[in-house]
Amino acid sequence: MDRTQPQTLYMATILLYLNAALAILTALIYHNLGGLIGLVFLAGEIAGGWGIANEKKWGFWVAAVVSVLILLLALAFFSFGNIINLVFDIALVALLFHPQSTAYRKTWFR
């Protein structure tokens, strides 16, 4: 993780890694990763977090696509039992597309 990045990108990286860690923990407890889609999302969150931490444009876009898809799925299958997950999904998308994040990405990401 790169602490020199803006707070919005730093927190987005933390949320990506935290979501991936919780997905792995949930898979270990319930013996279910969610099939191929869950595996793709897990890999996308890890790769996106790593890419953002290393200032890679592809990493930002992987994180953005995965985060938006997860948010859309959360909205499509909304239930009040998953309201906390929905809030964190919205926060992650907001952090990634915050003006401070996009300005830094345009300037420094390769």
C-alpha atoms as a PDB file:
ATOM      1  CA  MET A   1       0.000   0.000   0.000  1.00  0.00           C
ATOM      2  CA  ASP A   2       1.256   3.434  -0.897  1.00  0.00           C
ATOM      3  CA  ARG A   3       0.674   5.986   1.843  1.00  0.00           C
ATOM      4  CA  THR A   4       1.805   8.829  -0.420  1.00  0.00           C
ATOM      5  CA  GLN A   5      -1.339   8.478  -2.517  1.00  0.00           C
ATOM      6  CA  PRO A   6      -4.404  10.592  -1.736  1.00  0.00           C
ATOM      7  CA  GLN A   7      -6.502   9.387   1.150  1.00  0.00           C
ATOM      8  CA  THR A   8      -9.298   8.370  -1.211  1.00  0.00           C
ATOM      9  CA  LEU A   9      -7.105   5.946  -3.188  1.00  0.00           C
ATOM     10  CA  TYR A  10      -5.423   4.691  -0.029  1.00  0.00           C
ATOM     11  CA  MET A  11      -8.787   3.869   1.559  1.00  0.00           C
ATOM     12  CA  ALA A  12     -10.028   2.294  -1.693  1.00  0.00           C
ATOM     13  CA  THR A  13      -6.980   0.003  -1.662  1.00  0.00           C
ATOM     14  CA  ILE A  14      -7.681  -0.947   1.945  1.00  0.00           C
ATOM     15  CA  LEU A  15     -11.338  -1.697   1.112  1.00  0.00           C
ATOM     16  CA  LEU A  16     -10.343  -3.824  -1.889  1.00  0.00           C
ATOM     17  CA  TYR A  17      -7.959  -5.909   0.220  1.00  0.00           C
ATOM     18  CA  LEU A  18     -10.462  -6.104   3.090  1.00  0.00           C
ATOM     19  CA  ASN A  19     -13.248  -7.286   0.762  1.00  0.00           C
ATOM     20  CA  ALA A  20     -10.939  -9.944  -0.678  1.00  0.00           C
ATOM     21  CA  ALA A  21      -9.859 -11.113   2.788  1.00  0.00           C
ATOM     22  CA  LEU A  22     -13.462 -11.323   3.980  1.00  0.00           C
ATOM     23  CA  ALA A  23     -14.428 -13.266   0.843  1.00  0.00           C
ATOM     24  CA  ILE A  24     -11.656 -15.772   1.530  1.00  0.00           C
ATOM     25  CA  LEU A  25     -12.674 -16.030   5.190  1.00  0.00           C
ATOM     26  CA  THR A  26     -16.320 -16.548   4.227  1.00  0.00           C
ATOM     27  CA  ALA A  27     -15.292 -19.207   1.694  1.00  0.00           C
ATOM     28  CA  LEU A  28     -13.287 -21.039   4.359  1.00  0.00           C
ATOM     29  CA  ILE A  29     -16.145 -20.952   6.861  1.00  0.00           C
ATOM     30  CA  TYR A  30     -18.992 -21.860   4.500  1.00  0.00           C
ATOM     31  CA  HIS A  31     -16.954 -23.899   1.974  1.00  0.00           C
ATOM     32  CA  ASN A  32     -18.388 -21.808  -0.847  1.00  0.00           C
ATOM     33  CA  LEU A  33     -16.581 -19.102  -2.806  1.00  0.00           C
ATOM     34  CA  GLY A  34     -19.545 -18.346  -5.035  1.00  0.00           C
ATOM     35  CA  GLY A  35     -18.445 -20.244  -8.102  1.00  0.00           C
ATOM     36  CA  LEU A  36     -16.531 -18.813 -11.003  1.00  0.00           C
ATOM     37  CA  ILE A  37     -18.052 -15.340 -10.567  1.00  0.00           C
ATOM     38  CA  GLY A  38     -16.882 -15.198  -6.953  1.00  0.00           C
ATOM     39  CA  LEU A  39     -13.404 -16.299  -7.955  1.00  0.00           C
ATOM     40  CA  VAL A  40     -13.225 -13.651 -10.687  1.00  0.00           C
ATOM     41  CA  PHE A  41     -14.369 -10.951  -8.260  1.00  0.00           C
ATOM     42  CA  LEU A  42     -11.845 -12.103  -5.665  1.00  0.00           C
ATOM     43  CA  ALA A  43      -9.010 -12.060  -8.190  1.00  0.00           C
ATOM     44  CA  GLY A  44     -10.174  -8.670  -9.479  1.00  0.00           C
ATOM     45  CA  GLU A  45     -10.193  -7.121  -6.016  1.00  0.00           C
ATOM     46  CA  ILE A  46      -6.715  -8.421  -5.235  1.00  0.00           C
ATOM     47  CA  ALA A  47      -5.301  -7.407  -8.633  1.00  0.00           C
ATOM     48  CA  GLY A  48      -7.025  -4.016  -8.500  1.00  0.00           C
ATOM     49  CA  GLY A  49      -5.721  -3.273  -5.020  1.00  0.00           C
ATOM     50  CA  TRP A  50      -2.209  -4.283  -6.006  1.00  0.00           C
ATOM     51  CA  GLY A  51      -2.399  -2.244  -9.212  1.00  0.00           C
ATOM     52  CA  ILE A  52      -3.595   0.884  -7.413  1.00  0.00           C
ATOM     53  CA  ALA A  53      -0.918   0.503  -4.739  1.00  0.00           C
ATOM     54  CA  ASN A  54       1.703   0.314  -7.508  1.00  0.00           C
ATOM     55  CA  GLU A  55       0.167   3.178  -9.528  1.00  0.00           C
ATOM     56  CA  LYS A  56      -0.821   1.086 -12.549  1.00  0.00           C
ATOM     57  CA  LYS A  57      -3.634   2.325 -14.807  1.00  0.00           C
ATOM     58  CA  TRP A  58      -4.791  -1.235 -15.475  1.00  0.00           C
ATOM     59  CA  GLY A  59      -5.056  -1.793 -11.706  1.00  0.00           C
ATOM     60  CA  PHE A  60      -7.364   1.166 -11.304  1.00  0.00           C
ATOM     61  CA  TRP A  61      -9.586   0.008 -14.161  1.00  0.00           C
ATOM     62  CA  VAL A  62      -9.717  -3.574 -12.896  1.00  0.00           C
ATOM     63  CA  ALA A  63     -10.705  -2.285  -9.448  1.00  0.00           C
ATOM     64  CA  ALA A  64     -13.273   0.080 -10.963  1.00  0.00           C
ATOM     65  CA  VAL A  65     -14.921  -2.563 -13.155  1.00  0.00           C
ATOM     66  CA  VAL A  66     -15.034  -5.174 -10.384  1.00  0.00           C
ATOM     67  CA  SER A  67     -16.340  -2.670  -7.828  1.00  0.00           C
ATOM     68  CA  VAL A  68     -19.101  -1.400 -10.117  1.00  0.00           C
ATOM     69  CA  LEU A  69     -20.143  -4.962 -11.040  1.00  0.00           C
ATOM     70  CA  ILE A  70     -20.265  -5.965  -7.368  1.00  0.00           C
ATOM     71  CA  LEU A  71     -22.345  -2.862  -6.598  1.00  0.00           C
ATOM     72  CA  LEU A  72     -24.755  -3.632  -9.435  1.00  0.00           C
ATOM     73  CA  LEU A  73     -25.162  -7.212  -8.202  1.00  0.00           C
ATOM     74  CA  ALA A  74     -25.714  -5.963  -4.655  1.00  0.00           C
ATOM     75  CA  LEU A  75     -28.414  -3.601  -5.885  1.00  0.00           C
ATOM     76  CA  ALA A  76     -30.019  -6.291  -8.044  1.00  0.00           C
ATOM     77  CA  PHE A  77     -30.247  -8.747  -5.140  1.00  0.00           C
ATOM     78  CA  PHE A  78     -30.848  -6.180  -2.398  1.00  0.00           C
ATOM     79  CA  SER A  79     -32.074  -7.276   1.006  1.00  0.00           C
ATOM     80  CA  PHE A  80     -32.037  -5.421   4.292  1.00  0.00           C
ATOM     81  CA  GLY A  81     -29.803  -8.145   5.727  1.00  0.00           C
ATOM     82  CA  ASN A  82     -27.029  -6.996   3.391  1.00  0.00           C
ATOM     83  CA  ILE A  83     -27.361  -3.247   3.915  1.00  0.00           C
ATOM     84  CA  ILE A  84     -23.857  -2.969   5.456  1.00  0.00           C
ATOM     85  CA  ASN A  85     -22.315  -4.688   2.423  1.00  0.00           C
ATOM     86  CA  LEU A  86     -24.185  -2.318   0.141  1.00  0.00           C
ATOM     87  CA  VAL A  87     -22.893   0.710   2.049  1.00  0.00           C
ATOM     88  CA  PHE A  88     -19.294  -0.498   1.715  1.00  0.00           C
ATOM     89  CA  ASP A  89     -19.786  -1.247  -2.001  1.00  0.00           C
ATOM     90  CA  ILE A  90     -21.107   2.277  -2.559  1.00  0.00           C
ATOM     91  CA  ALA A  91     -18.224   3.735  -0.535  1.00  0.00           C
ATOM     92  CA  LEU A  92     -15.647   1.842  -2.599  1.00  0.00           C
ATOM     93  CA  VAL A  93     -17.070   3.074  -5.904  1.00  0.00           C
ATOM     94  CA  ALA A  94     -17.287   6.624  -4.518  1.00  0.00           C
ATOM     95  CA  LEU A  95     -13.649   6.495  -3.355  1.00  0.00           C
ATOM     96  CA  LEU A  96     -12.424   5.230  -6.706  1.00  0.00           C
ATOM     97  CA  PHE A  97     -14.267   7.878  -8.713  1.00  0.00           C
ATOM     98  CA  HIS A  98     -13.708  10.769  -6.300  1.00  0.00           C
ATOM     99  CA  PRO A  99     -12.237  13.838  -8.076  1.00  0.00           C
ATOM    100  CA  GLN A 100      -9.098  13.622  -5.939  1.00  0.00           C
ATOM    101  CA  SER A 101      -8.569   9.986  -6.986  1.00  0.00           C
ATOM    102  CA  THR A 102      -9.137  10.640 -10.669  1.00  0.00           C
ATOM    103  CA  ALA A 103      -6.843  13.682 -10.710  1.00  0.00           C
ATOM    104  CA  TYR A 104      -4.059  11.689  -9.047  1.00  0.00           C
ATOM    105  CA  ARG A 105      -4.604   8.735 -11.401  1.00  0.00           C
ATOM    106  CA  LYS A 106      -4.429  10.958 -14.483  1.00  0.00           C
ATOM    107  CA  THR A 107      -1.211  12.567 -13.271  1.00  0.00           C
ATOM    108  CA  TRP A 108       0.784   9.742 -11.731  1.00  0.00           C
ATOM    109  CA  PHE A 109      -0.468   6.343 -12.887  1.00  0.00           C
ATOM    110  CA  ARG A 110       1.452   4.646 -15.702  1.00  0.00           C
END
